[in-house]
Amino acid sequence: MYNRGIRGATTVTRNDENEILQETVVLLKEIVERNEIVPEDICSVWITMTQDLDATFPARAIRQMNGWDLVPLMCSIEIPVKGSLPLCIRLMVQVNTNKSQREMKHVYLNAAKALRPDLSSAGSEGK
């Protein structure tokens, strides 16, 4: 079994607690569905947000999901690079799996699709 990373990112329209929590759940559910994984497979989830988002911790949303209470979560602020995508939430899901690196399906939603257009289609696999 290997430990693989699955990347994901999404954006919100404003610094709003409910929107941040909702979009975090949407992103994580999409990662889980596309990669056919369950919380027990997850080693940890690293969550970052751009500095313009400070209304809540996105880990709160994940912690409230059924079966996710024991998955280690960590939140951090994204490096503030000039011209980078604003209002962005990113996930790095570390999963224990027998799948190859190429089989990992990364997920980019909303305006975050521009970050990795090569990985943004629903059926795309990691490259």
N, C-alpha and C. Protein backbone atom coordinates (compact mmCIF):
# COMPACT_ATOMS: atom_id res chain seq x y z
N MET A 1 0.85 -1.18 0.00
CA MET A 1 0.00 0.00 0.00
C MET A 1 0.90 1.24 0.00
N TYR A 2 0.44 2.28 -0.69
CA TYR A 2 1.18 3.53 -0.81
C TYR A 2 0.41 4.68 -0.19
N ASN A 3 1.10 5.74 0.17
CA ASN A 3 0.47 6.97 0.60
C ASN A 3 0.54 7.94 -0.57
N ARG A 4 -0.61 8.32 -1.11
CA ARG A 4 -0.68 9.20 -2.27
C ARG A 4 -1.35 10.52 -1.90
N GLY A 5 -0.97 11.57 -2.60
CA GLY A 5 -1.59 12.87 -2.40
C GLY A 5 -2.59 13.15 -3.50
N ILE A 6 -3.73 13.67 -3.10
CA ILE A 6 -4.75 14.10 -4.05
C ILE A 6 -4.96 15.59 -3.83
N ARG A 7 -4.76 16.35 -4.90
CA ARG A 7 -4.91 17.79 -4.81
C ARG A 7 -6.33 18.21 -5.17
N GLY A 8 -6.73 19.31 -4.55
CA GLY A 8 -8.01 19.89 -4.89
C GLY A 8 -8.03 21.36 -4.53
N ALA A 9 -8.82 22.12 -5.26
CA ALA A 9 -8.97 23.55 -4.97
C ALA A 9 -10.32 24.02 -5.45
N THR A 10 -10.82 25.04 -4.78
CA THR A 10 -12.07 25.68 -5.16
C THR A 10 -11.99 27.14 -4.76
N THR A 11 -12.97 27.89 -5.15
CA THR A 11 -13.05 29.29 -4.74
C THR A 11 -14.43 29.60 -4.20
N VAL A 12 -14.49 30.69 -3.46
CA VAL A 12 -15.75 31.22 -2.97
C VAL A 12 -15.92 32.61 -3.57
N THR A 13 -17.11 33.17 -3.46
CA THR A 13 -17.35 34.50 -4.03
C THR A 13 -17.06 35.62 -3.04
N ARG A 14 -17.03 35.27 -1.74
CA ARG A 14 -16.74 36.29 -0.72
C ARG A 14 -16.27 35.61 0.56
N ASN A 15 -15.74 36.39 1.46
CA ASN A 15 -15.24 35.90 2.75
C ASN A 15 -16.42 35.69 3.70
N ASP A 16 -17.13 34.61 3.49
CA ASP A 16 -18.35 34.33 4.24
C ASP A 16 -18.24 32.94 4.88
N GLU A 17 -18.50 32.86 6.17
CA GLU A 17 -18.37 31.60 6.90
C GLU A 17 -19.15 30.46 6.25
N ASN A 18 -20.41 30.67 5.96
CA ASN A 18 -21.24 29.59 5.40
C ASN A 18 -20.75 29.15 4.03
N GLU A 19 -20.34 30.10 3.20
CA GLU A 19 -19.87 29.75 1.86
C GLU A 19 -18.55 28.97 1.93
N ILE A 20 -17.66 29.38 2.82
CA ILE A 20 -16.39 28.66 2.99
C ILE A 20 -16.65 27.23 3.44
N LEU A 21 -17.52 27.06 4.42
CA LEU A 21 -17.83 25.71 4.92
C LEU A 21 -18.49 24.87 3.84
N GLN A 22 -19.44 25.45 3.13
CA GLN A 22 -20.17 24.71 2.08
C GLN A 22 -19.24 24.30 0.95
N GLU A 23 -18.42 25.18 0.45
CA GLU A 23 -17.54 24.86 -0.68
C GLU A 23 -16.44 23.87 -0.28
N THR A 24 -16.02 23.91 0.98
CA THR A 24 -15.04 22.92 1.46
C THR A 24 -15.64 21.53 1.40
N VAL A 25 -16.87 21.39 1.84
CA VAL A 25 -17.55 20.09 1.80
C VAL A 25 -17.76 19.62 0.36
N VAL A 26 -18.18 20.51 -0.52
CA VAL A 26 -18.39 20.16 -1.92
C VAL A 26 -17.08 19.63 -2.52
N LEU A 27 -15.99 20.33 -2.26
CA LEU A 27 -14.69 19.92 -2.81
C LEU A 27 -14.27 18.56 -2.26
N LEU A 28 -14.34 18.38 -0.97
CA LEU A 28 -13.90 17.11 -0.38
C LEU A 28 -14.78 15.95 -0.85
N LYS A 29 -16.08 16.15 -0.91
CA LYS A 29 -16.97 15.08 -1.39
C LYS A 29 -16.64 14.70 -2.83
N GLU A 30 -16.30 15.67 -3.64
CA GLU A 30 -15.95 15.38 -5.03
C GLU A 30 -14.64 14.60 -5.11
N ILE A 31 -13.67 14.95 -4.30
CA ILE A 31 -12.40 14.21 -4.24
C ILE A 31 -12.65 12.77 -3.83
N VAL A 32 -13.44 12.58 -2.79
CA VAL A 32 -13.76 11.25 -2.27
C VAL A 32 -14.50 10.42 -3.31
N GLU A 33 -15.48 11.02 -3.97
CA GLU A 33 -16.27 10.29 -4.96
C GLU A 33 -15.42 9.89 -6.17
N ARG A 34 -14.68 10.84 -6.71
CA ARG A 34 -13.89 10.55 -7.93
C ARG A 34 -12.80 9.51 -7.67
N ASN A 35 -12.30 9.47 -6.43
CA ASN A 35 -11.20 8.55 -6.12
C ASN A 35 -11.66 7.29 -5.40
N GLU A 36 -12.97 7.18 -5.17
CA GLU A 36 -13.57 5.99 -4.53
C GLU A 36 -12.85 5.65 -3.23
N ILE A 37 -12.79 6.64 -2.34
CA ILE A 37 -12.14 6.44 -1.03
C ILE A 37 -13.14 6.71 0.08
N VAL A 38 -12.79 6.28 1.27
CA VAL A 38 -13.59 6.50 2.48
C VAL A 38 -12.68 7.12 3.53
N PRO A 39 -13.25 7.74 4.57
CA PRO A 39 -12.41 8.38 5.59
C PRO A 39 -11.34 7.45 6.18
N GLU A 40 -11.62 6.19 6.32
CA GLU A 40 -10.64 5.24 6.89
C GLU A 40 -9.39 5.13 6.03
N ASP A 41 -9.50 5.43 4.74
CA ASP A 41 -8.35 5.39 3.83
C ASP A 41 -7.45 6.63 3.96
N ILE A 42 -7.96 7.67 4.59
CA ILE A 42 -7.28 8.96 4.62
C ILE A 42 -6.27 9.03 5.76
N CYS A 43 -5.05 9.38 5.40
CA CYS A 43 -3.99 9.59 6.39
C CYS A 43 -4.18 10.95 7.06
N SER A 44 -4.37 12.00 6.25
CA SER A 44 -4.57 13.35 6.77
C SER A 44 -5.02 14.25 5.63
N VAL A 45 -5.52 15.44 6.01
CA VAL A 45 -5.92 16.45 5.04
C VAL A 45 -5.28 17.77 5.44
N TRP A 46 -4.51 18.35 4.52
CA TRP A 46 -3.91 19.66 4.71
C TRP A 46 -4.77 20.66 3.96
N ILE A 47 -5.21 21.70 4.65
CA ILE A 47 -6.13 22.69 4.09
C ILE A 47 -5.45 24.05 4.12
N THR A 48 -5.43 24.73 2.98
CA THR A 48 -4.94 26.11 2.98
C THR A 48 -6.01 27.01 2.39
N MET A 49 -5.93 28.29 2.80
CA MET A 49 -6.80 29.31 2.23
C MET A 49 -5.96 30.54 1.95
N THR A 50 -6.38 31.31 0.96
CA THR A 50 -5.71 32.56 0.68
C THR A 50 -5.97 33.53 1.84
N GLN A 51 -5.11 34.52 1.98
CA GLN A 51 -5.18 35.43 3.14
C GLN A 51 -6.43 36.27 3.18
N ASP A 52 -7.17 36.35 2.08
CA ASP A 52 -8.40 37.13 2.06
C ASP A 52 -9.58 36.36 2.67
N LEU A 53 -9.34 35.12 3.10
CA LEU A 53 -10.38 34.31 3.74
C LEU A 53 -10.02 34.10 5.21
N ASP A 54 -10.84 34.67 6.08
CA ASP A 54 -10.59 34.50 7.52
C ASP A 54 -11.88 34.41 8.34
N ALA A 55 -12.99 34.11 7.67
CA ALA A 55 -14.28 34.06 8.35
C ALA A 55 -14.47 32.80 9.19
N THR A 56 -13.73 31.73 8.89
CA THR A 56 -13.86 30.48 9.62
C THR A 56 -12.72 29.54 9.26
N PHE A 57 -12.62 28.46 10.02
CA PHE A 57 -11.69 27.38 9.70
C PHE A 57 -12.44 26.36 8.82
N PRO A 58 -11.97 26.08 7.62
CA PRO A 58 -12.66 25.11 6.77
C PRO A 58 -12.66 23.70 7.37
N ALA A 59 -11.73 23.40 8.24
CA ALA A 59 -11.71 22.09 8.89
C ALA A 59 -12.99 21.84 9.69
N ARG A 60 -13.64 22.90 10.15
CA ARG A 60 -14.91 22.74 10.88
C ARG A 60 -15.93 21.97 10.05
N ALA A 61 -16.00 22.28 8.77
CA ALA A 61 -16.97 21.62 7.89
C ALA A 61 -16.65 20.14 7.75
N ILE A 62 -15.38 19.83 7.58
CA ILE A 62 -14.97 18.43 7.41
C ILE A 62 -15.22 17.64 8.69
N ARG A 63 -14.90 18.24 9.82
CA ARG A 63 -15.06 17.57 11.10
C ARG A 63 -16.52 17.18 11.35
N GLN A 64 -17.45 17.93 10.78
CA GLN A 64 -18.88 17.66 10.97
C GLN A 64 -19.43 16.60 10.02
N MET A 65 -18.63 16.21 9.05
CA MET A 65 -19.08 15.18 8.10
C MET A 65 -19.06 13.81 8.76
N ASN A 66 -20.02 12.99 8.43
CA ASN A 66 -20.14 11.66 9.02
C ASN A 66 -18.89 10.81 8.73
N GLY A 67 -18.25 10.31 9.80
CA GLY A 67 -17.09 9.44 9.68
C GLY A 67 -15.75 10.15 9.62
N TRP A 68 -15.73 11.47 9.63
CA TRP A 68 -14.49 12.24 9.49
C TRP A 68 -13.93 12.74 10.82
N ASP A 69 -14.54 12.39 11.93
CA ASP A 69 -14.12 12.92 13.23
C ASP A 69 -12.72 12.50 13.66
N LEU A 70 -12.18 11.41 13.14
CA LEU A 70 -10.85 10.94 13.53
C LEU A 70 -9.77 11.23 12.48
N VAL A 71 -10.15 11.80 11.35
CA VAL A 71 -9.17 12.11 10.31
C VAL A 71 -8.39 13.36 10.73
N PRO A 72 -7.06 13.29 10.77
CA PRO A 72 -6.27 14.48 11.14
C PRO A 72 -6.41 15.58 10.08
N LEU A 73 -6.71 16.79 10.54
CA LEU A 73 -6.88 17.94 9.67
C LEU A 73 -5.98 19.07 10.13
N MET A 74 -5.44 19.83 9.19
CA MET A 74 -4.60 20.98 9.54
C MET A 74 -4.90 22.11 8.57
N CYS A 75 -5.15 23.31 9.11
CA CYS A 75 -5.40 24.49 8.30
C CYS A 75 -4.18 25.41 8.33
N SER A 76 -3.99 26.13 7.23
CA SER A 76 -2.89 27.07 7.12
C SER A 76 -3.26 28.15 6.10
N ILE A 77 -2.45 29.21 6.08
CA ILE A 77 -2.63 30.28 5.11
C ILE A 77 -1.72 30.03 3.92
N GLU A 78 -2.26 30.24 2.74
CA GLU A 78 -1.50 30.09 1.50
C GLU A 78 -0.46 31.21 1.40
N ILE A 79 0.65 30.93 0.76
CA ILE A 79 1.67 31.95 0.52
C ILE A 79 1.06 33.07 -0.32
N PRO A 80 1.19 34.33 0.12
CA PRO A 80 0.54 35.45 -0.58
C PRO A 80 1.34 35.94 -1.80
N VAL A 81 1.31 35.17 -2.87
CA VAL A 81 2.02 35.54 -4.09
C VAL A 81 1.20 36.57 -4.86
N LYS A 82 1.85 37.66 -5.25
CA LYS A 82 1.19 38.72 -6.00
C LYS A 82 0.56 38.15 -7.27
N GLY A 83 -0.71 38.48 -7.50
CA GLY A 83 -1.41 38.04 -8.69
C GLY A 83 -2.00 36.65 -8.61
N SER A 84 -1.87 35.98 -7.46
CA SER A 84 -2.42 34.63 -7.34
C SER A 84 -3.95 34.67 -7.22
N LEU A 85 -4.56 33.54 -7.43
CA LEU A 85 -6.01 33.42 -7.40
C LEU A 85 -6.55 33.77 -6.01
N PRO A 86 -7.46 34.75 -5.91
CA PRO A 86 -8.02 35.11 -4.61
C PRO A 86 -9.16 34.18 -4.19
N LEU A 87 -9.53 34.29 -2.92
CA LEU A 87 -10.70 33.58 -2.37
C LEU A 87 -10.63 32.08 -2.63
N CYS A 88 -9.45 31.51 -2.45
CA CYS A 88 -9.20 30.12 -2.83
C CYS A 88 -8.97 29.22 -1.61
N ILE A 89 -9.58 28.06 -1.65
CA ILE A 89 -9.41 27.01 -0.64
C ILE A 89 -8.76 25.83 -1.35
N ARG A 90 -7.69 25.30 -0.76
CA ARG A 90 -7.00 24.16 -1.36
C ARG A 90 -6.94 23.01 -0.35
N LEU A 91 -7.03 21.81 -0.87
CA LEU A 91 -6.90 20.60 -0.06
C LEU A 91 -5.79 19.73 -0.61
N MET A 92 -5.03 19.12 0.29
CA MET A 92 -4.08 18.06 -0.06
C MET A 92 -4.51 16.87 0.79
N VAL A 93 -5.16 15.92 0.15
CA VAL A 93 -5.68 14.74 0.85
C VAL A 93 -4.65 13.63 0.68
N GLN A 94 -4.10 13.15 1.80
CA GLN A 94 -3.15 12.05 1.76
C GLN A 94 -3.91 10.77 2.05
N VAL A 95 -3.87 9.86 1.08
CA VAL A 95 -4.68 8.65 1.15
C VAL A 95 -3.80 7.41 1.06
N ASN A 96 -4.15 6.40 1.81
CA ASN A 96 -3.48 5.10 1.73
C ASN A 96 -4.22 4.27 0.69
N THR A 97 -3.48 3.81 -0.32
CA THR A 97 -4.13 3.16 -1.46
C THR A 97 -3.15 2.24 -2.19
N ASN A 98 -3.70 1.35 -2.96
CA ASN A 98 -2.89 0.52 -3.86
C ASN A 98 -2.86 1.11 -5.27
N LYS A 99 -3.57 2.21 -5.49
CA LYS A 99 -3.60 2.84 -6.80
C LYS A 99 -2.27 3.52 -7.10
N SER A 100 -1.98 3.66 -8.38
CA SER A 100 -0.76 4.35 -8.81
C SER A 100 -0.96 5.86 -8.74
N GLN A 101 0.14 6.59 -8.82
CA GLN A 101 0.09 8.05 -8.83
C GLN A 101 -0.79 8.56 -9.97
N ARG A 102 -0.69 7.93 -11.13
CA ARG A 102 -1.48 8.34 -12.29
C ARG A 102 -2.98 8.10 -12.12
N GLU A 103 -3.34 7.21 -11.22
CA GLU A 103 -4.76 6.92 -11.00
C GLU A 103 -5.44 7.92 -10.07
N MET A 104 -4.67 8.76 -9.40
CA MET A 104 -5.25 9.76 -8.50
C MET A 104 -5.97 10.82 -9.33
N LYS A 105 -7.19 11.12 -8.94
CA LYS A 105 -8.01 12.09 -9.67
C LYS A 105 -8.09 13.38 -8.85
N HIS A 106 -7.41 14.40 -9.34
CA HIS A 106 -7.37 15.69 -8.66
C HIS A 106 -8.59 16.50 -9.07
N VAL A 107 -9.03 17.40 -8.19
CA VAL A 107 -10.30 18.10 -8.40
C VAL A 107 -10.10 19.61 -8.27
N TYR A 108 -10.48 20.32 -9.32
CA TYR A 108 -10.44 21.78 -9.31
C TYR A 108 -11.82 22.29 -9.70
N LEU A 109 -12.42 23.09 -8.83
CA LEU A 109 -13.79 23.56 -9.02
C LEU A 109 -13.85 25.09 -9.08
N ASN A 110 -14.92 25.60 -9.60
CA ASN A 110 -15.17 27.05 -9.68
C ASN A 110 -14.00 27.73 -10.38
N ALA A 111 -13.59 28.90 -9.92
CA ALA A 111 -12.50 29.64 -10.58
C ALA A 111 -11.16 28.94 -10.43
N ALA A 112 -11.05 27.99 -9.51
CA ALA A 112 -9.80 27.25 -9.31
C ALA A 112 -9.48 26.35 -10.50
N LYS A 113 -10.41 26.13 -11.39
CA LYS A 113 -10.14 25.34 -12.60
C LYS A 113 -8.99 25.96 -13.39
N ALA A 114 -8.82 27.26 -13.27
CA ALA A 114 -7.74 27.95 -14.00
C ALA A 114 -6.35 27.58 -13.47
N LEU A 115 -6.29 27.07 -12.23
CA LEU A 115 -4.99 26.69 -11.67
C LEU A 115 -4.38 25.50 -12.39
N ARG A 116 -5.20 24.54 -12.75
CA ARG A 116 -4.73 23.34 -13.44
C ARG A 116 -5.76 22.91 -14.47
N PRO A 117 -5.83 23.62 -15.60
CA PRO A 117 -6.83 23.24 -16.61
C PRO A 117 -6.65 21.81 -17.10
N ASP A 118 -5.42 21.30 -17.04
CA ASP A 118 -5.17 19.92 -17.47
C ASP A 118 -5.80 18.90 -16.54
N LEU A 119 -6.13 19.29 -15.32
CA LEU A 119 -6.72 18.37 -14.34
C LEU A 119 -8.15 18.72 -13.97
N SER A 120 -8.74 19.70 -14.62
CA SER A 120 -10.02 20.23 -14.18
C SER A 120 -11.26 19.53 -14.70
N SER A 121 -11.16 18.68 -15.69
CA SER A 121 -12.36 18.00 -16.17
C SER A 121 -12.73 16.87 -15.22
N ALA A 122 -14.01 16.57 -15.15
CA ALA A 122 -14.53 15.59 -14.19
C ALA A 122 -13.88 14.22 -14.31
N GLY A 123 -13.51 13.83 -15.50
CA GLY A 123 -12.93 12.50 -15.66
C GLY A 123 -11.41 12.48 -15.72
N SER A 124 -10.78 13.63 -15.51
CA SER A 124 -9.32 13.68 -15.67
C SER A 124 -8.61 12.92 -14.57
N GLU A 125 -7.48 12.38 -14.93
CA GLU A 125 -6.63 11.67 -13.98
C GLU A 125 -5.35 12.46 -13.81
N GLY A 126 -4.66 12.20 -12.72
CA GLY A 126 -3.41 12.89 -12.43
C GLY A 126 -2.39 12.70 -13.52
N LYS A 127 -1.53 13.69 -13.67
CA LYS A 127 -0.47 13.63 -14.69
C LYS A 127 0.86 13.85 -14.05
